[in-house]
Amino acid sequence: MTVNVATIGNDSQVLMHFTITLADGSVADSTELQGKPAKLVIGDGSLTPNFERCLLGLTIGDKNKFELQPEDAFGQPNPDNIYYLDRAKFTEVKAEVGLIVGFTQPDGAELPGMIRDVIGDSVTVDFNHPLAGQVVTFEVEILEINAE
């Protein structure tokens, strides 16, 4: 008698805990610390192909750790995602370096941007992912797998 153990494959729905660690050892994000696991579907385009390859074949209860280069994680910073805005546009919050501000897009969605510089009336806002350009280590623990 063989036991059919669910393994992660294409189109699998996966519930997992993950921790993202930076090269200096600091934790950038952790679903375990938040107490809420992440749910994703393999092959839906939300993860890079190399990230998905690291998950393929894992089963419920598996724990794995892998390092991803920037292009396989959050990408490289794109200079086209840096904008220079007039300080007068910041009426609800004070423009301060390091502050993350939500900007409403024409479709109503909110896009976070980090204030990188404030010089005179010019505010530099970076809309790249905060982890863009970083080598990151993912630690994952697979909690559930449901085949589509």
Protein backbone atom coordinates (compact mmCIF):
# COMPACT_ATOMS: atom_id res chain seq x y z
CA MET A 1 0.00 0.00 0.00
CA THR A 2 1.45 3.36 -1.02
CA VAL A 3 0.71 6.61 0.74
CA ASN A 4 0.09 9.58 -1.50
CA VAL A 5 1.96 12.50 0.02
CA ALA A 6 1.06 15.91 -1.38
CA THR A 7 4.05 17.59 -2.97
CA ILE A 8 4.33 21.07 -4.41
CA GLY A 9 3.96 21.09 -8.18
CA ASN A 10 2.64 23.43 -10.86
CA ASP A 11 -0.73 24.97 -9.88
CA SER A 12 -0.42 23.83 -6.24
CA GLN A 13 -2.00 26.08 -3.63
CA VAL A 14 0.51 26.38 -0.81
CA LEU A 15 0.09 27.64 2.73
CA MET A 16 3.45 28.32 4.32
CA HIS A 17 5.38 30.32 6.84
CA PHE A 18 8.40 32.21 5.57
CA THR A 19 11.13 34.39 6.98
CA ILE A 20 13.19 36.72 4.79
CA THR A 21 16.69 37.45 6.09
CA LEU A 22 19.12 39.99 4.62
CA ALA A 23 22.86 39.46 4.08
CA ASP A 24 23.61 41.15 7.42
CA GLY A 25 21.40 38.61 9.24
CA SER A 26 18.55 41.01 9.98
CA VAL A 27 14.98 39.79 9.47
CA ALA A 28 13.14 41.81 6.79
CA ASP A 29 9.81 39.97 7.05
CA SER A 30 8.37 36.94 8.80
CA THR A 31 4.89 35.46 8.58
CA GLU A 32 5.64 33.47 11.72
CA LEU A 33 6.29 36.64 13.72
CA GLN A 34 3.04 38.08 12.34
CA GLY A 35 1.22 34.85 13.19
CA LYS A 36 -0.34 34.64 9.72
CA PRO A 37 0.99 32.20 7.09
CA ALA A 38 1.20 33.16 3.42
CA LYS A 39 -0.96 31.53 0.74
CA LEU A 40 0.22 31.32 -2.85
CA VAL A 41 -0.42 29.45 -6.07
CA ILE A 42 2.56 28.02 -7.95
CA GLY A 43 2.61 29.28 -11.53
CA ASP A 44 0.32 32.30 -11.09
CA GLY A 45 3.17 34.75 -11.77
CA SER A 46 3.35 36.20 -8.27
CA LEU A 47 6.75 34.58 -7.65
CA THR A 48 9.85 34.51 -9.83
CA PRO A 49 10.50 31.23 -11.66
CA ASN A 50 13.65 30.52 -9.60
CA PHE A 51 11.79 31.08 -6.32
CA GLU A 52 9.11 28.62 -7.47
CA ARG A 53 11.78 26.05 -8.45
CA CYS A 54 13.06 26.19 -4.85
CA LEU A 55 9.58 25.19 -3.61
CA LEU A 56 8.82 22.44 -6.14
CA GLY A 57 8.88 18.94 -4.66
CA LEU A 58 8.54 20.06 -1.04
CA THR A 59 5.90 18.28 1.05
CA ILE A 60 3.79 19.22 4.08
CA GLY A 61 6.02 19.71 7.11
CA ASP A 62 9.15 20.34 5.06
CA LYS A 63 11.41 23.18 6.10
CA ASN A 64 13.88 24.59 3.62
CA LYS A 65 16.30 27.50 3.41
CA PHE A 66 17.56 29.04 0.18
CA GLU A 67 19.37 32.16 -0.95
CA LEU A 68 18.07 34.23 -3.85
CA GLN A 69 19.93 36.82 -5.87
CA PRO A 70 18.11 40.16 -6.44
CA GLU A 71 16.85 39.16 -9.91
CA ASP A 72 15.24 36.04 -8.44
CA ALA A 73 13.68 37.82 -5.46
CA PHE A 74 12.62 41.49 -5.58
CA GLY A 75 14.55 42.61 -8.66
CA GLN A 76 17.14 45.27 -9.17
CA PRO A 77 16.28 48.91 -8.44
CA ASN A 78 14.88 50.65 -11.51
CA PRO A 79 15.87 54.31 -11.90
CA ASP A 80 12.52 54.91 -13.69
CA ASN A 81 10.78 54.20 -10.36
CA ILE A 82 12.34 57.25 -8.70
CA TYR A 83 10.28 60.43 -8.86
CA TYR A 84 10.92 64.02 -7.87
CA LEU A 85 7.83 65.66 -6.42
CA ASP A 86 7.07 69.16 -5.21
CA ARG A 87 7.12 69.42 -1.42
CA ALA A 88 3.74 71.23 -1.63
CA LYS A 89 2.12 67.86 -2.57
CA PHE A 90 2.80 66.63 0.97
CA THR A 91 -0.10 68.23 2.81
CA GLU A 92 -1.17 65.32 5.05
CA VAL A 93 2.31 64.19 6.11
CA LYS A 94 5.62 65.94 6.58
CA ALA A 95 8.15 64.91 3.93
CA GLU A 96 10.95 63.23 5.90
CA VAL A 97 13.75 60.95 4.67
CA GLY A 98 12.94 57.27 5.36
CA LEU A 99 9.18 57.77 5.60
CA ILE A 100 7.03 55.41 3.52
CA VAL A 101 4.02 57.19 2.05
CA GLY A 102 1.04 55.67 0.21
CA PHE A 103 0.21 57.35 -3.11
CA THR A 104 -3.16 56.76 -4.76
CA GLN A 105 -2.87 55.72 -8.39
CA PRO A 106 -5.42 56.67 -11.09
CA ASP A 107 -7.08 53.22 -10.74
CA GLY A 108 -7.56 53.81 -7.00
CA ALA A 109 -4.87 51.36 -5.90
CA GLU A 110 -2.34 52.57 -3.37
CA LEU A 111 1.37 52.42 -4.16
CA PRO A 112 3.92 52.85 -1.36
CA GLY A 113 6.95 55.03 -1.97
CA MET A 114 9.91 55.74 0.30
CA ILE A 115 11.17 59.29 0.68
CA ARG A 116 14.88 59.14 -0.12
CA ASP A 117 15.79 62.84 -0.07
CA VAL A 118 14.33 66.27 0.66
CA ILE A 119 16.18 69.26 -0.78
CA GLY A 120 14.44 72.63 -0.74
CA ASP A 121 11.04 72.14 -2.39
CA SER A 122 12.03 68.85 -4.08
CA VAL A 123 11.17 65.48 -2.54
CA THR A 124 12.76 62.32 -4.00
CA VAL A 125 10.39 59.34 -3.78
CA ASP A 126 11.54 55.80 -4.56
CA PHE A 127 8.79 53.40 -5.71
CA ASN A 128 11.13 50.39 -6.02
CA HIS A 129 10.45 47.50 -3.64
CA PRO A 130 12.38 48.21 -0.41
CA LEU A 131 14.28 44.92 -0.86
CA ALA A 132 15.18 45.54 -4.52
CA GLY A 133 18.87 44.91 -5.14
CA GLN A 134 19.25 42.76 -2.01
CA VAL A 135 20.46 39.17 -1.78
CA VAL A 136 17.91 37.52 0.52
CA THR A 137 17.62 34.20 2.33
CA PHE A 138 14.18 32.61 2.55
CA GLU A 139 13.35 30.06 5.21
CA VAL A 140 10.08 28.28 4.50
CA GLU A 141 7.90 25.80 6.36
CA ILE A 142 5.20 24.12 4.29
CA LEU A 143 1.90 23.89 6.21
CA GLU A 144 -0.66 22.81 3.56
CA ILE A 145 -0.67 21.82 -0.11
CA ASN A 146 -3.79 21.59 -2.24
CA ALA A 147 -3.55 20.55 -5.89
CA GLU A 148 -5.64 22.62 -8.29
